[in-house]
Amino acid sequence: WRPGIDLCWDVSKPLPFNDHSISAVFSEH
């Protein structure tokens, strides 16, 4: 976490989003 982070999450765990609910994903490095 740091100021500006919307969700502090370990991506090796299941994501908290519903099925087919996200329209776009970006991940860099």
PDB file of all heavy atoms in Angstrom:
ATOM      1  N   TRP A   1       0.837  -1.191   0.000  1.00  0.00           N
ATOM      2  CA  TRP A   1       0.000   0.000   0.000  1.00  0.00           C
ATOM      3  C   TRP A   1       0.876   1.247   0.000  1.00  0.00           C
ATOM      4  O   TRP A   1       1.970   1.270   0.569  1.00  0.00           O
ATOM      5  CB  TRP A   1      -0.894   0.031   1.238  1.00  0.00           C
ATOM      6  CG  TRP A   1      -1.714   1.263   1.267  1.00  0.00           C
ATOM      7  CD1 TRP A   1      -2.941   1.451   0.684  1.00  0.00           C
ATOM      8  CD2 TRP A   1      -1.367   2.504   1.870  1.00  0.00           C
ATOM      9  NE1 TRP A   1      -3.370   2.723   0.890  1.00  0.00           N
ATOM     10  CE2 TRP A   1      -2.419   3.405   1.615  1.00  0.00           C
ATOM     11  CE3 TRP A   1      -0.269   2.956   2.582  1.00  0.00           C
ATOM     12  CZ2 TRP A   1      -2.408   4.717   2.064  1.00  0.00           C
ATOM     13  CZ3 TRP A   1      -0.252   4.274   3.019  1.00  0.00           C
ATOM     14  CH2 TRP A   1      -1.323   5.124   2.760  1.00  0.00           C
ATOM     15  N   ARG A   2       0.397   2.261  -0.644  1.00  0.00           N
ATOM     16  CA  ARG A   2       0.947   3.613  -0.592  1.00  0.00           C
ATOM     17  C   ARG A   2      -0.180   4.534  -1.022  1.00  0.00           C
ATOM     18  O   ARG A   2      -1.155   4.062  -1.608  1.00  0.00           O
ATOM     19  CB  ARG A   2       2.185   3.766  -1.476  1.00  0.00           C
ATOM     20  CG  ARG A   2       1.954   3.539  -2.937  1.00  0.00           C
ATOM     21  CD  ARG A   2       3.202   3.663  -3.804  1.00  0.00           C
ATOM     22  NE  ARG A   2       4.400   3.106  -3.307  1.00  0.00           N
ATOM     23  CZ  ARG A   2       4.797   1.833  -3.452  1.00  0.00           C
ATOM     24  NH1 ARG A   2       4.050   0.993  -4.096  1.00  0.00           N
ATOM     25  NH2 ARG A   2       5.936   1.418  -2.976  1.00  0.00           N
ATOM     26  N   PRO A   3      -0.096   5.809  -0.723  1.00  0.00           N
ATOM     27  CA  PRO A   3      -1.179   6.705  -1.138  1.00  0.00           C
ATOM     28  C   PRO A   3      -1.428   6.604  -2.646  1.00  0.00           C
ATOM     29  O   PRO A   3      -0.497   6.619  -3.446  1.00  0.00           O
ATOM     30  CB  PRO A   3      -0.650   8.096  -0.757  1.00  0.00           C
ATOM     31  CG  PRO A   3       0.276   7.826   0.400  1.00  0.00           C
ATOM     32  CD  PRO A   3       0.930   6.509   0.064  1.00  0.00           C
ATOM     33  N   GLY A   4      -2.689   6.434  -3.019  1.00  0.00           N
ATOM     34  CA  GLY A   4      -3.069   6.304  -4.423  1.00  0.00           C
ATOM     35  C   GLY A   4      -3.421   4.881  -4.822  1.00  0.00           C
ATOM     36  O   GLY A   4      -4.019   4.661  -5.869  1.00  0.00           O
ATOM     37  N   ILE A   5      -3.061   3.888  -4.010  1.00  0.00           N
ATOM     38  CA  ILE A   5      -3.398   2.497  -4.304  1.00  0.00           C
ATOM     39  C   ILE A   5      -4.860   2.273  -3.931  1.00  0.00           C
ATOM     40  O   ILE A   5      -5.291   2.580  -2.823  1.00  0.00           O
ATOM     41  CB  ILE A   5      -2.482   1.517  -3.518  1.00  0.00           C
ATOM     42  CG1 ILE A   5      -1.037   1.628  -4.004  1.00  0.00           C
ATOM     43  CG2 ILE A   5      -2.978   0.087  -3.611  1.00  0.00           C
ATOM     44  CD1 ILE A   5      -0.812   1.175  -5.423  1.00  0.00           C
ATOM     45  N   ASP A   6      -5.640   1.738  -4.877  1.00  0.00           N
ATOM     46  CA  ASP A   6      -7.058   1.487  -4.628  1.00  0.00           C
ATOM     47  C   ASP A   6      -7.295   0.174  -3.893  1.00  0.00           C
ATOM     48  O   ASP A   6      -8.260   0.047  -3.139  1.00  0.00           O
ATOM     49  CB  ASP A   6      -7.820   1.455  -5.961  1.00  0.00           C
ATOM     50  CG  ASP A   6      -7.788   2.800  -6.651  1.00  0.00           C
ATOM     51  OD1 ASP A   6      -8.310   3.767  -6.074  1.00  0.00           O
ATOM     52  OD2 ASP A   6      -7.222   2.890  -7.761  1.00  0.00           O
ATOM     53  N   LEU A   7      -6.434  -0.824  -4.141  1.00  0.00           N
ATOM     54  CA  LEU A   7      -6.617  -2.127  -3.518  1.00  0.00           C
ATOM     55  C   LEU A   7      -5.248  -2.746  -3.241  1.00  0.00           C
ATOM     56  O   LEU A   7      -4.423  -2.865  -4.149  1.00  0.00           O
ATOM     57  CB  LEU A   7      -7.426  -3.054  -4.441  1.00  0.00           C
ATOM     58  CG  LEU A   7      -7.670  -4.470  -3.951  1.00  0.00           C
ATOM     59  CD1 LEU A   7      -8.525  -4.466  -2.679  1.00  0.00           C
ATOM     60  CD2 LEU A   7      -8.356  -5.290  -5.040  1.00  0.00           C
ATOM     61  N   CYS A   8      -5.017  -3.126  -1.989  1.00  0.00           N
ATOM     62  CA  CYS A   8      -3.786  -3.810  -1.604  1.00  0.00           C
ATOM     63  C   CYS A   8      -4.092  -5.305  -1.648  1.00  0.00           C
ATOM     64  O   CYS A   8      -4.869  -5.809  -0.835  1.00  0.00           O
ATOM     65  CB  CYS A   8      -3.374  -3.363  -0.202  1.00  0.00           C
ATOM     66  SG  CYS A   8      -1.773  -3.982   0.322  1.00  0.00           S
ATOM     67  N   TRP A   9      -3.498  -6.015  -2.624  1.00  0.00           N
ATOM     68  CA  TRP A   9      -3.854  -7.402  -2.873  1.00  0.00           C
ATOM     69  C   TRP A   9      -2.648  -8.204  -3.326  1.00  0.00           C
ATOM     70  O   TRP A   9      -1.807  -7.715  -4.070  1.00  0.00           O
ATOM     71  CB  TRP A   9      -4.937  -7.460  -3.958  1.00  0.00           C
ATOM     72  CG  TRP A   9      -5.686  -8.745  -3.960  1.00  0.00           C
ATOM     73  CD1 TRP A   9      -5.439  -9.846  -4.723  1.00  0.00           C
ATOM     74  CD2 TRP A   9      -6.802  -9.068  -3.144  1.00  0.00           C
ATOM     75  NE1 TRP A   9      -6.342 -10.827  -4.425  1.00  0.00           N
ATOM     76  CE2 TRP A   9      -7.193 -10.379  -3.457  1.00  0.00           C
ATOM     77  CE3 TRP A   9      -7.512  -8.385  -2.155  1.00  0.00           C
ATOM     78  CZ2 TRP A   9      -8.261 -11.021  -2.839  1.00  0.00           C
ATOM     79  CZ3 TRP A   9      -8.569  -9.003  -1.537  1.00  0.00           C
ATOM     80  CH2 TRP A   9      -8.938 -10.310  -1.883  1.00  0.00           C
ATOM     81  N   ASP A  10      -2.581  -9.450  -2.888  1.00  0.00           N
ATOM     82  CA  ASP A  10      -1.562 -10.396  -3.330  1.00  0.00           C
ATOM     83  C   ASP A  10      -2.124 -11.101  -4.564  1.00  0.00           C
ATOM     84  O   ASP A  10      -3.077 -11.872  -4.452  1.00  0.00           O
ATOM     85  CB  ASP A  10      -1.279 -11.395  -2.208  1.00  0.00           C
ATOM     86  CG  ASP A  10      -0.225 -12.421  -2.569  1.00  0.00           C
ATOM     87  OD1 ASP A  10       0.233 -12.440  -3.731  1.00  0.00           O
ATOM     88  OD2 ASP A  10       0.137 -13.219  -1.689  1.00  0.00           O
ATOM     89  N   VAL A  11      -1.550 -10.852  -5.737  1.00  0.00           N
ATOM     90  CA  VAL A  11      -2.103 -11.393  -6.982  1.00  0.00           C
ATOM     91  C   VAL A  11      -1.914 -12.898  -7.114  1.00  0.00           C
ATOM     92  O   VAL A  11      -2.467 -13.495  -8.039  1.00  0.00           O
ATOM     93  CB  VAL A  11      -1.539 -10.681  -8.237  1.00  0.00           C
ATOM     94  CG1 VAL A  11      -1.940  -9.223  -8.244  1.00  0.00           C
ATOM     95  CG2 VAL A  11      -0.045 -10.862  -8.365  1.00  0.00           C
ATOM     96  N   SER A  12      -1.187 -13.521  -6.191  1.00  0.00           N
ATOM     97  CA  SER A  12      -1.097 -14.980  -6.222  1.00  0.00           C
ATOM     98  C   SER A  12      -2.340 -15.617  -5.593  1.00  0.00           C
ATOM     99  O   SER A  12      -2.519 -16.820  -5.660  1.00  0.00           O
ATOM    100  CB  SER A  12       0.168 -15.464  -5.518  1.00  0.00           C
ATOM    101  OG  SER A  12       0.099 -15.200  -4.134  1.00  0.00           O
ATOM    102  N   LYS A  13      -3.196 -14.795  -5.007  1.00  0.00           N
ATOM    103  CA  LYS A  13      -4.469 -15.250  -4.428  1.00  0.00           C
ATOM    104  C   LYS A  13      -5.589 -14.940  -5.431  1.00  0.00           C
ATOM    105  O   LYS A  13      -5.440 -14.083  -6.297  1.00  0.00           O
ATOM    106  CB  LYS A  13      -4.756 -14.514  -3.112  1.00  0.00           C
ATOM    107  CG  LYS A  13      -3.628 -14.550  -2.122  1.00  0.00           C
ATOM    108  CD  LYS A  13      -3.464 -15.905  -1.520  1.00  0.00           C
ATOM    109  CE  LYS A  13      -2.405 -15.873  -0.432  1.00  0.00           C
ATOM    110  NZ  LYS A  13      -1.583 -17.019  -0.389  1.00  0.00           N
ATOM    111  N   PRO A  14      -6.743 -15.634  -5.302  1.00  0.00           N
ATOM    112  CA  PRO A  14      -7.868 -15.318  -6.197  1.00  0.00           C
ATOM    113  C   PRO A  14      -8.263 -13.844  -6.097  1.00  0.00           C
ATOM    114  O   PRO A  14      -8.303 -13.272  -5.008  1.00  0.00           O
ATOM    115  CB  PRO A  14      -8.991 -16.232  -5.685  1.00  0.00           C
ATOM    116  CG  PRO A  14      -8.281 -17.371  -5.031  1.00  0.00           C
ATOM    117  CD  PRO A  14      -7.031 -16.779  -4.436  1.00  0.00           C
ATOM    118  N   LEU A  15      -8.519 -13.255  -7.244  1.00  0.00           N
ATOM    119  CA  LEU A  15      -8.880 -11.835  -7.295  1.00  0.00           C
ATOM    120  C   LEU A  15     -10.298 -11.627  -6.774  1.00  0.00           C
ATOM    121  O   LEU A  15     -11.167 -12.479  -6.969  1.00  0.00           O
ATOM    122  CB  LEU A  15      -8.755 -11.316  -8.725  1.00  0.00           C
ATOM    123  CG  LEU A  15      -7.348 -11.378  -9.320  1.00  0.00           C
ATOM    124  CD1 LEU A  15      -7.367 -10.980 -10.791  1.00  0.00           C
ATOM    125  CD2 LEU A  15      -6.393 -10.496  -8.543  1.00  0.00           C
ATOM    126  N   PRO A  16     -10.580 -10.475  -6.149  1.00  0.00           N
ATOM    127  CA  PRO A  16     -11.899 -10.240  -5.560  1.00  0.00           C
ATOM    128  C   PRO A  16     -12.962  -9.773  -6.561  1.00  0.00           C
ATOM    129  O   PRO A  16     -14.077  -9.473  -6.172  1.00  0.00           O
ATOM    130  CB  PRO A  16     -11.618  -9.142  -4.528  1.00  0.00           C
ATOM    131  CG  PRO A  16     -10.505  -8.362  -5.134  1.00  0.00           C
ATOM    132  CD  PRO A  16      -9.646  -9.391  -5.840  1.00  0.00           C
ATOM    133  N   PHE A  17     -12.636  -9.734  -7.841  1.00  0.00           N
ATOM    134  CA  PHE A  17     -13.568  -9.244  -8.848  1.00  0.00           C
ATOM    135  C   PHE A  17     -14.517 -10.352  -9.299  1.00  0.00           C
ATOM    136  O   PHE A  17     -14.159 -11.525  -9.329  1.00  0.00           O
ATOM    137  CB  PHE A  17     -12.802  -8.694 -10.049  1.00  0.00           C
ATOM    138  CG  PHE A  17     -11.750  -7.684  -9.678  1.00  0.00           C
ATOM    139  CD1 PHE A  17     -10.408  -7.979  -9.828  1.00  0.00           C
ATOM    140  CD2 PHE A  17     -12.099  -6.450  -9.166  1.00  0.00           C
ATOM    141  CE1 PHE A  17      -9.428  -7.066  -9.473  1.00  0.00           C
ATOM    142  CE2 PHE A  17     -11.133  -5.527  -8.809  1.00  0.00           C
ATOM    143  CZ  PHE A  17      -9.795  -5.835  -8.966  1.00  0.00           C
ATOM    144  N   ASN A  18     -15.730  -9.961  -9.674  1.00  0.00           N
ATOM    145  CA  ASN A  18     -16.715 -10.916 -10.193  1.00  0.00           C
ATOM    146  C   ASN A  18     -16.292 -11.419 -11.564  1.00  0.00           C
ATOM    147  O   ASN A  18     -15.535 -10.752 -12.285  1.00  0.00           O
ATOM    148  CB  ASN A  18     -18.096 -10.259 -10.302  1.00  0.00           C
ATOM    149  CG  ASN A  18     -18.635  -9.866  -8.944  1.00  0.00           C
ATOM    150  OD1 ASN A  18     -18.332 -10.494  -7.946  1.00  0.00           O
ATOM    151  ND2 ASN A  18     -19.416  -8.811  -8.920  1.00  0.00           N
ATOM    152  N   ASP A  19     -16.823 -12.578 -11.954  1.00  0.00           N
ATOM    153  CA  ASP A  19     -16.560 -13.128 -13.279  1.00  0.00           C
ATOM    154  C   ASP A  19     -16.994 -12.135 -14.356  1.00  0.00           C
ATOM    155  O   ASP A  19     -18.061 -11.531 -14.250  1.00  0.00           O
ATOM    156  CB  ASP A  19     -17.317 -14.437 -13.483  1.00  0.00           C
ATOM    157  CG  ASP A  19     -16.843 -15.544 -12.552  1.00  0.00           C
ATOM    158  OD1 ASP A  19     -15.841 -15.325 -11.839  1.00  0.00           O
ATOM    159  OD2 ASP A  19     -17.460 -16.622 -12.557  1.00  0.00           O
ATOM    160  N   HIS A  20     -16.166 -11.973 -15.383  1.00  0.00           N
ATOM    161  CA  HIS A  20     -16.464 -11.158 -16.557  1.00  0.00           C
ATOM    162  C   HIS A  20     -16.864  -9.721 -16.202  1.00  0.00           C
ATOM    163  O   HIS A  20     -17.696  -9.127 -16.860  1.00  0.00           O
ATOM    164  CB  HIS A  20     -17.576 -11.808 -17.392  1.00  0.00           C
ATOM    165  CG  HIS A  20     -17.368 -13.267 -17.615  1.00  0.00           C
ATOM    166  ND1 HIS A  20     -16.318 -13.758 -18.352  1.00  0.00           N
ATOM    167  CD2 HIS A  20     -18.058 -14.339 -17.164  1.00  0.00           C
ATOM    168  CE1 HIS A  20     -16.377 -15.080 -18.360  1.00  0.00           C
ATOM    169  NE2 HIS A  20     -17.410 -15.468 -17.645  1.00  0.00           N
ATOM    170  N   SER A  21     -16.240  -9.157 -15.173  1.00  0.00           N
ATOM    171  CA  SER A  21     -16.623  -7.822 -14.711  1.00  0.00           C
ATOM    172  C   SER A  21     -15.613  -6.732 -15.037  1.00  0.00           C
ATOM    173  O   SER A  21     -15.884  -5.555 -14.830  1.00  0.00           O
ATOM    174  CB  SER A  21     -16.858  -7.841 -13.197  1.00  0.00           C
ATOM    175  OG  SER A  21     -15.650  -8.162 -12.519  1.00  0.00           O
ATOM    176  N   ILE A  22     -14.465  -7.097 -15.559  1.00  0.00           N
ATOM    177  CA  ILE A  22     -13.400  -6.130 -15.812  1.00  0.00           C
ATOM    178  C   ILE A  22     -13.200  -6.000 -17.320  1.00  0.00           C
ATOM    179  O   ILE A  22     -13.059  -6.994 -18.020  1.00  0.00           O
ATOM    180  CB  ILE A  22     -12.077  -6.587 -15.145  1.00  0.00           C
ATOM    181  CG1 ILE A  22     -12.285  -6.852 -13.660  1.00  0.00           C
ATOM    182  CG2 ILE A  22     -10.969  -5.599 -15.399  1.00  0.00           C
ATOM    183  CD1 ILE A  22     -12.770  -5.662 -12.873  1.00  0.00           C
ATOM    184  N   SER A  23     -13.175  -4.774 -17.797  1.00  0.00           N
ATOM    185  CA  SER A  23     -13.069  -4.577 -19.239  1.00  0.00           C
ATOM    186  C   SER A  23     -11.629  -4.435 -19.737  1.00  0.00           C
ATOM    187  O   SER A  23     -11.360  -4.687 -20.903  1.00  0.00           O
ATOM    188  CB  SER A  23     -13.891  -3.368 -19.674  1.00  0.00           C
ATOM    189  OG  SER A  23     -13.524  -2.240 -18.935  1.00  0.00           O
ATOM    190  N   ALA A  24     -10.695  -4.040 -18.861  1.00  0.00           N
ATOM    191  CA  ALA A  24      -9.318  -3.866 -19.326  1.00  0.00           C
ATOM    192  C   ALA A  24      -8.336  -4.003 -18.168  1.00  0.00           C
ATOM    193  O   ALA A  24      -8.601  -3.553 -17.057  1.00  0.00           O
ATOM    194  CB  ALA A  24      -9.159  -2.501 -19.980  1.00  0.00           C
ATOM    195  N   VAL A  25      -7.196  -4.649 -18.456  1.00  0.00           N
ATOM    196  CA  VAL A  25      -6.152  -4.889 -17.465  1.00  0.00           C
ATOM    197  C   VAL A  25      -4.814  -4.438 -18.040  1.00  0.00           C
ATOM    198  O   VAL A  25      -4.528  -4.670 -19.216  1.00  0.00           O
ATOM    199  CB  VAL A  25      -6.081  -6.393 -17.104  1.00  0.00           C
ATOM    200  CG1 VAL A  25      -4.855  -6.698 -16.271  1.00  0.00           C
ATOM    201  CG2 VAL A  25      -7.336  -6.835 -16.386  1.00  0.00           C
ATOM    202  N   PHE A  26      -4.023  -3.808 -17.194  1.00  0.00           N
ATOM    203  CA  PHE A  26      -2.689  -3.361 -17.567  1.00  0.00           C
ATOM    204  C   PHE A  26      -1.724  -3.791 -16.467  1.00  0.00           C
ATOM    205  O   PHE A  26      -2.031  -3.664 -15.286  1.00  0.00           O
ATOM    206  CB  PHE A  26      -2.666  -1.833 -17.723  1.00  0.00           C
ATOM    207  CG  PHE A  26      -1.312  -1.262 -17.984  1.00  0.00           C
ATOM    208  CD1 PHE A  26      -0.737  -1.362 -19.240  1.00  0.00           C
ATOM    209  CD2 PHE A  26      -0.604  -0.621 -16.980  1.00  0.00           C
ATOM    210  CE1 PHE A  26       0.519  -0.832 -19.493  1.00  0.00           C
ATOM    211  CE2 PHE A  26       0.648  -0.086 -17.220  1.00  0.00           C
ATOM    212  CZ  PHE A  26       1.206  -0.195 -18.479  1.00  0.00           C
ATOM    213  N   SER A  27      -0.571  -4.312 -16.840  1.00  0.00           N
ATOM    214  CA  SER A  27       0.454  -4.670 -15.875  1.00  0.00           C
ATOM    215  C   SER A  27       1.819  -4.509 -16.533  1.00  0.00           C
ATOM    216  O   SER A  27       2.088  -5.107 -17.567  1.00  0.00           O
ATOM    217  CB  SER A  27       0.263  -6.114 -15.396  1.00  0.00           C
ATOM    218  OG  SER A  27       1.256  -6.442 -14.466  1.00  0.00           O
ATOM    219  N   GLU A  28       2.642  -3.691 -15.918  1.00  0.00           N
ATOM    220  CA  GLU A  28       3.968  -3.443 -16.475  1.00  0.00           C
ATOM    221  C   GLU A  28       5.031  -3.780 -15.432  1.00  0.00           C
ATOM    222  O   GLU A  28       5.032  -3.228 -14.334  1.00  0.00           O
ATOM    223  CB  GLU A  28       4.086  -1.970 -16.883  1.00  0.00           C
ATOM    224  CG  GLU A  28       5.393  -1.633 -17.535  1.00  0.00           C
ATOM    225  CD  GLU A  28       5.429  -0.191 -18.026  1.00  0.00           C
ATOM    226  OE1 GLU A  28       4.688   0.655 -17.519  1.00  0.00           O
ATOM    227  OE2 GLU A  28       6.225   0.080 -18.945  1.00  0.00           O
ATOM    228  N   HIS A  29       5.901  -4.715 -15.773  1.00  0.00           N
ATOM    229  CA  HIS A  29       7.015  -5.124 -14.914  1.00  0.00           C
ATOM    230  C   HIS A  29       6.532  -5.547 -13.525  1.00  0.00           C
ATOM    231  O   HIS A  29       7.085  -5.134 -12.507  1.00  0.00           O
ATOM    232  CB  HIS A  29       8.063  -4.023 -14.817  1.00  0.00           C
ATOM    233  CG  HIS A  29       8.674  -3.697 -16.141  1.00  0.00           C
ATOM    234  ND1 HIS A  29       9.550  -4.553 -16.767  1.00  0.00           N
ATOM    235  CD2 HIS A  29       8.497  -2.645 -16.975  1.00  0.00           C
ATOM    236  CE1 HIS A  29       9.904  -4.018 -17.923  1.00  0.00           C
ATOM    237  NE2 HIS A  29       9.273  -2.877 -18.080  1.00  0.00           N
TER     238      HIS A  29
END
